[in-house]
Amino acid sequence: MKYPHEFVGELIGTFLLVLFGCGSVAVTILFSAHVGLLQVAIIWGLGVTVAIYATRHLSCAHLNPAVSFAMVLGRRMSLARLPIYLIAQFFGAFLAAGLLYLLLGESITQYESLNGIVRGTPESIKTAMMFGEFYPNPGAGSAAVVSTLTALLVEAVGTFVLVFMIFSLTEGCNLGRPDDALAPLFIGLTVTVIIAILAPLTQAGLNPARDLSPRLFAALAGWGKAAFPDQGLGFLSVYVMGPLLGAGTAAGVFTCIVEPLMKDKGHDSCDCQ
């Protein structure tokens, strides 16, 4: 296999991210283990942080197809590496969903039985949301009104902020960035803030692998059409195209506008990556 280190790094990192993040959603739904959105958001952020620390010596620890896409557009990664990154990320997320179901499957069945939920019906979105994401967030109550276009915009904006911060935190020309050893922590904090603000609308996916792979697993595990309730391409456009659009825009803005301005401030001699 070409680029074996990158494949293993992205697979393990994405596996950990989805295991911790989706796990926090699952135990909150099943056992009320966490109270409030902020606690779940913090766990997601910590999951991102530890996954990056665990794997960035193997790969660039993108753990997200949208980030990898942005890195190619920003000329920080070669196009030749992109397929390996994508395959590893989607596969790692699928494995994490499978492990979560292995651990929690009996509890999910019991929860559905106690709450009169028939898996595969529209009502089973309440349990399918442990894996894939839905808009408006099924747990947000009646106040959340989110059209497909709005949901796509939410995912694009959230991913734009995330990718822009990743570029800023890892850019050698940005003298205001923290030490490289702290960059994963600040990336995780960025994820926490974005989820805390946007999750009531779309569950704040920001990551096509994190959404699509667990969603596909849920469809295969009995949720069927409930995992893809939109008969059109709404969910794919929101949770796949939305993050890609936001990431690509962030790469363009940073590379074409922000980075040149940083150099104009007199930092031409810095080691730009």
Protein backbone atom coordinates (compact mmCIF):
# COMPACT_ATOMS: atom_id res chain seq x y z
CA MET A 1 0.00 0.00 0.00
CA LYS A 2 1.21 3.48 -0.83
CA TYR A 3 1.43 5.89 2.12
CA PRO A 4 0.79 3.22 4.83
CA HIS A 5 1.65 5.58 7.70
CA GLU A 6 -0.90 8.13 6.53
CA PHE A 7 -3.57 5.45 6.10
CA VAL A 8 -3.08 4.02 9.59
CA GLY A 9 -2.89 7.47 11.18
CA GLU A 10 -6.08 8.76 9.57
CA LEU A 11 -7.95 5.51 10.23
CA ILE A 12 -7.05 5.40 13.93
CA GLY A 13 -7.54 9.13 14.45
CA THR A 14 -10.96 9.23 12.80
CA PHE A 15 -11.94 6.06 14.65
CA LEU A 16 -11.12 7.69 17.99
CA LEU A 17 -12.86 10.95 17.08
CA VAL A 18 -16.11 9.21 16.12
CA LEU A 19 -15.94 6.73 18.99
CA PHE A 20 -15.66 9.48 21.60
CA GLY A 21 -17.97 11.96 19.89
CA CYS A 22 -20.81 9.71 18.80
CA GLY A 23 -20.39 7.79 22.05
CA SER A 24 -21.09 10.96 24.01
CA VAL A 25 -24.29 11.51 22.02
CA ALA A 26 -25.36 7.89 22.48
CA VAL A 27 -24.91 7.72 26.26
CA THR A 28 -26.68 11.06 26.63
CA ILE A 29 -29.73 9.76 24.75
CA LEU A 30 -29.76 6.32 26.37
CA PHE A 31 -28.72 7.06 29.93
CA SER A 32 -28.88 10.87 30.32
CA ALA A 33 -25.18 10.55 31.12
CA HIS A 34 -24.49 14.18 30.22
CA VAL A 35 -26.57 17.25 30.94
CA GLY A 36 -26.80 19.99 28.36
CA LEU A 37 -25.22 20.59 25.00
CA LEU A 38 -22.00 22.04 26.40
CA GLN A 39 -20.95 18.77 28.02
CA VAL A 40 -21.37 16.86 24.76
CA ALA A 41 -19.55 19.63 22.88
CA ILE A 42 -16.63 19.44 25.31
CA ILE A 43 -16.34 15.69 24.82
CA TRP A 44 -16.34 16.16 21.05
CA GLY A 45 -13.59 18.75 21.40
CA LEU A 46 -11.54 16.52 23.68
CA GLY A 47 -12.06 13.65 21.25
CA VAL A 48 -10.65 15.74 18.42
CA THR A 49 -7.72 16.84 20.58
CA VAL A 50 -6.62 13.40 21.75
CA ALA A 51 -7.15 11.90 18.28
CA ILE A 52 -4.78 14.49 16.80
CA TYR A 53 -2.18 13.97 19.51
CA ALA A 54 -2.40 10.19 19.05
CA THR A 55 -1.86 10.16 15.29
CA ARG A 56 -0.17 13.29 14.00
CA HIS A 57 3.23 11.57 13.96
CA LEU A 58 1.78 9.06 11.46
CA SER A 59 -0.27 11.38 9.28
CA CYS A 60 -1.18 15.06 9.23
CA ALA A 61 -4.12 14.16 11.51
CA HIS A 62 -6.80 15.72 9.32
CA LEU A 63 -9.41 13.15 10.45
CA ASN A 64 -11.93 14.89 8.20
CA PRO A 65 -12.37 14.75 4.41
CA ALA A 66 -13.23 18.45 4.37
CA VAL A 67 -9.92 19.31 6.04
CA SER A 68 -7.99 17.09 3.62
CA PHE A 69 -9.80 18.72 0.69
CA ALA A 70 -8.88 22.16 2.03
CA MET A 71 -5.25 21.15 2.50
CA VAL A 72 -5.03 20.09 -1.14
CA LEU A 73 -6.59 23.36 -2.28
CA GLY A 74 -4.25 25.30 0.01
CA ARG A 75 -1.26 23.44 -1.42
CA ARG A 76 -0.38 21.95 1.96
CA MET A 77 -0.87 18.37 0.78
CA SER A 78 -0.40 16.69 -2.58
CA LEU A 79 -3.44 15.50 -4.49
CA ALA A 80 -1.87 12.04 -4.72
CA ARG A 81 -2.33 11.55 -0.96
CA LEU A 82 -6.00 12.57 -0.92
CA PRO A 83 -7.55 9.16 -1.84
CA ILE A 84 -5.65 7.39 0.94
CA TYR A 85 -6.77 9.99 3.47
CA LEU A 86 -10.40 9.77 2.39
CA ILE A 87 -10.54 5.96 2.41
CA ALA A 88 -8.96 5.79 5.85
CA GLN A 89 -11.25 8.47 7.29
CA PHE A 90 -14.49 6.92 6.03
CA PHE A 91 -13.37 3.42 7.05
CA GLY A 92 -12.28 4.55 10.52
CA ALA A 93 -15.61 6.28 11.12
CA PHE A 94 -17.52 3.17 9.99
CA LEU A 95 -15.51 0.94 12.34
CA ALA A 96 -16.19 3.29 15.26
CA ALA A 97 -19.93 3.18 14.55
CA GLY A 98 -19.76 -0.60 14.49
CA LEU A 99 -17.96 -0.77 17.82
CA LEU A 100 -20.45 1.61 19.41
CA TYR A 101 -23.30 -0.57 18.23
CA LEU A 102 -21.55 -3.67 19.55
CA LEU A 103 -21.24 -2.04 22.97
CA LEU A 104 -24.63 -0.31 23.10
CA GLY A 105 -26.84 -2.38 20.81
CA GLU A 106 -28.72 -4.12 23.62
CA SER A 107 -29.27 -0.81 25.42
CA ILE A 108 -30.52 0.79 22.22
CA THR A 109 -33.03 -2.04 21.75
CA GLN A 110 -34.20 -1.66 25.35
CA TYR A 111 -34.53 2.12 24.97
CA GLU A 112 -36.60 1.68 21.80
CA SER A 113 -38.83 -0.86 23.55
CA LEU A 114 -39.42 1.33 26.60
CA ASN A 115 -40.22 4.37 24.44
CA GLY A 116 -42.37 2.63 21.84
CA ILE A 117 -39.91 3.28 19.01
CA VAL A 118 -40.00 0.92 16.04
CA ARG A 119 -36.64 0.96 14.31
CA GLY A 120 -36.90 2.08 10.70
CA THR A 121 -39.94 4.32 11.25
CA PRO A 122 -39.66 8.12 11.24
CA GLU A 123 -39.82 8.10 15.05
CA SER A 124 -36.61 6.07 15.18
CA ILE A 125 -34.67 9.17 14.18
CA LYS A 126 -34.49 9.68 17.95
CA THR A 127 -32.07 6.75 18.12
CA ALA A 128 -30.57 7.04 14.63
CA MET A 129 -29.19 10.43 15.67
CA MET A 130 -26.63 8.58 17.77
CA PHE A 131 -24.92 7.77 14.50
CA GLY A 132 -25.80 10.20 11.70
CA GLU A 133 -27.00 13.78 12.03
CA PHE A 134 -30.35 15.38 11.34
CA TYR A 135 -31.77 18.83 10.85
CA PRO A 136 -33.29 20.36 12.75
CA ASN A 137 -31.66 18.58 15.68
CA PRO A 138 -34.32 16.11 16.92
CA GLY A 139 -33.47 17.04 20.50
CA ALA A 140 -33.74 20.79 19.97
CA GLY A 141 -37.51 21.07 20.46
CA SER A 142 -40.10 22.88 18.38
CA ALA A 143 -38.21 26.18 18.34
CA ALA A 144 -35.71 24.93 15.76
CA VAL A 145 -36.85 25.51 12.18
CA VAL A 146 -34.15 24.62 9.67
CA SER A 147 -34.63 24.33 5.92
CA THR A 148 -32.26 22.32 3.74
CA LEU A 149 -30.65 25.51 2.47
CA THR A 150 -30.22 26.87 5.99
CA ALA A 151 -28.77 23.56 7.16
CA LEU A 152 -26.28 23.54 4.29
CA LEU A 153 -25.27 27.10 5.19
CA VAL A 154 -24.86 26.15 8.86
CA GLU A 155 -22.57 23.24 8.00
CA ALA A 156 -20.61 25.36 5.53
CA VAL A 157 -20.12 28.21 8.01
CA GLY A 158 -19.15 25.88 10.85
CA THR A 159 -16.61 24.06 8.69
CA PHE A 160 -15.29 27.36 7.34
CA VAL A 161 -14.53 28.52 10.88
CA LEU A 162 -12.93 25.20 11.79
CA VAL A 163 -10.70 25.00 8.71
CA PHE A 164 -9.77 28.68 8.90
CA MET A 165 -8.65 28.16 12.49
CA ILE A 166 -6.67 25.05 11.54
CA PHE A 167 -4.84 27.02 8.85
CA SER A 168 -4.23 29.89 11.28
CA LEU A 169 -3.02 27.64 14.09
CA THR A 170 -0.59 25.74 11.87
CA GLU A 171 0.69 28.54 9.62
CA GLY A 172 4.33 29.34 10.17
CA CYS A 173 3.79 32.97 9.16
CA ASN A 174 1.29 33.51 11.97
CA LEU A 175 3.51 34.62 14.82
CA GLY A 176 0.49 34.90 17.11
CA ARG A 177 -0.28 31.19 16.99
CA PRO A 178 0.36 28.98 20.04
CA ASP A 179 3.22 26.53 20.23
CA ASP A 180 2.84 23.57 17.86
CA ALA A 181 2.41 21.27 20.84
CA LEU A 182 -0.72 23.19 21.84
CA ALA A 183 -2.30 23.46 18.39
CA PRO A 184 -4.40 20.26 18.79
CA LEU A 185 -5.87 21.62 22.02
CA PHE A 186 -6.95 24.86 20.35
CA ILE A 187 -8.39 22.96 17.39
CA GLY A 188 -10.40 20.89 19.85
CA LEU A 189 -11.61 24.03 21.62
CA THR A 190 -12.68 25.43 18.26
CA VAL A 191 -14.76 22.30 17.65
CA THR A 192 -16.31 22.65 21.10
CA VAL A 193 -17.37 26.25 20.50
CA ILE A 194 -18.79 25.52 17.04
CA ILE A 195 -20.83 22.57 18.31
CA ALA A 196 -22.09 24.54 21.31
CA ILE A 197 -23.49 27.18 18.95
CA LEU A 198 -24.59 25.24 15.86
CA ALA A 199 -25.59 21.81 17.13
CA PRO A 200 -29.19 22.86 17.99
CA LEU A 201 -29.67 23.45 14.26
CA THR A 202 -27.91 20.57 12.48
CA GLN A 203 -26.06 18.66 15.21
CA ALA A 204 -22.93 20.36 13.77
CA GLY A 205 -21.41 17.60 11.67
CA LEU A 206 -18.55 19.54 10.04
CA ASN A 207 -17.11 16.26 8.80
CA PRO A 208 -18.44 14.13 5.90
CA ALA A 209 -16.80 10.95 7.26
CA ARG A 210 -18.17 11.49 10.75
CA ASP A 211 -21.70 11.75 9.32
CA LEU A 212 -21.88 9.52 6.26
CA SER A 213 -20.11 6.41 7.55
CA PRO A 214 -22.10 6.10 10.82
CA ARG A 215 -25.28 6.98 8.90
CA LEU A 216 -24.60 4.14 6.45
CA PHE A 217 -23.95 1.80 9.36
CA ALA A 218 -27.26 2.81 10.94
CA ALA A 219 -29.07 2.15 7.67
CA LEU A 220 -27.55 -1.34 7.56
CA ALA A 221 -28.31 -1.97 11.25
CA GLY A 222 -32.07 -1.67 10.81
CA TRP A 223 -32.83 2.04 10.65
CA GLY A 224 -33.07 1.85 6.86
CA LYS A 225 -34.79 4.86 5.37
CA ALA A 226 -34.96 6.52 8.78
CA ALA A 227 -31.21 7.04 8.49
CA PHE A 228 -31.82 8.88 5.20
CA PRO A 229 -35.28 10.41 5.70
CA ASP A 230 -34.86 12.95 2.92
CA GLN A 231 -36.00 11.29 -0.30
CA GLY A 232 -33.83 13.68 -2.30
CA LEU A 233 -30.18 14.51 -1.78
CA GLY A 234 -30.78 16.89 1.10
CA PHE A 235 -28.75 15.03 3.71
CA LEU A 236 -25.87 14.40 1.36
CA SER A 237 -25.81 18.03 0.30
CA VAL A 238 -25.99 19.31 3.88
CA TYR A 239 -23.50 16.99 5.57
CA VAL A 240 -21.13 16.27 2.67
CA MET A 241 -21.30 19.20 0.27
CA GLY A 242 -21.81 21.78 3.05
CA PRO A 243 -18.53 20.98 4.84
CA LEU A 244 -16.64 20.70 1.53
CA LEU A 245 -17.96 24.09 0.45
CA GLY A 246 -17.02 25.71 3.75
CA ALA A 247 -13.59 24.08 3.82
CA GLY A 248 -12.79 25.05 0.25
CA THR A 249 -13.83 28.64 0.89
CA ALA A 250 -11.69 28.79 4.03
CA ALA A 251 -8.67 27.47 2.13
CA GLY A 252 -9.15 30.10 -0.57
CA VAL A 253 -9.65 32.98 1.86
CA PHE A 254 -6.65 32.07 3.97
CA THR A 255 -4.28 31.24 1.12
CA CYS A 256 -5.21 34.11 -1.19
CA ILE A 257 -5.97 36.88 1.32
CA VAL A 258 -4.82 36.24 4.89
CA GLU A 259 -1.47 34.58 4.27
CA PRO A 260 -0.25 37.28 1.84
CA LEU A 261 -1.28 39.95 4.35
CA MET A 262 0.73 38.19 7.05
CA LYS A 263 3.77 38.27 4.80
CA ASP A 264 3.20 41.96 4.08
CA LYS A 265 3.46 42.63 7.81
CA GLY A 266 7.16 41.90 7.54
CA HIS A 267 7.28 38.19 8.22
CA ASP A 268 8.57 37.18 4.77
CA SER A 269 11.48 35.35 6.36
CA CYS A 270 9.33 33.00 8.42
CA ASP A 271 9.15 29.34 7.53
CA CYS A 272 5.82 29.17 5.72
CA GLN A 273 4.45 25.69 5.17
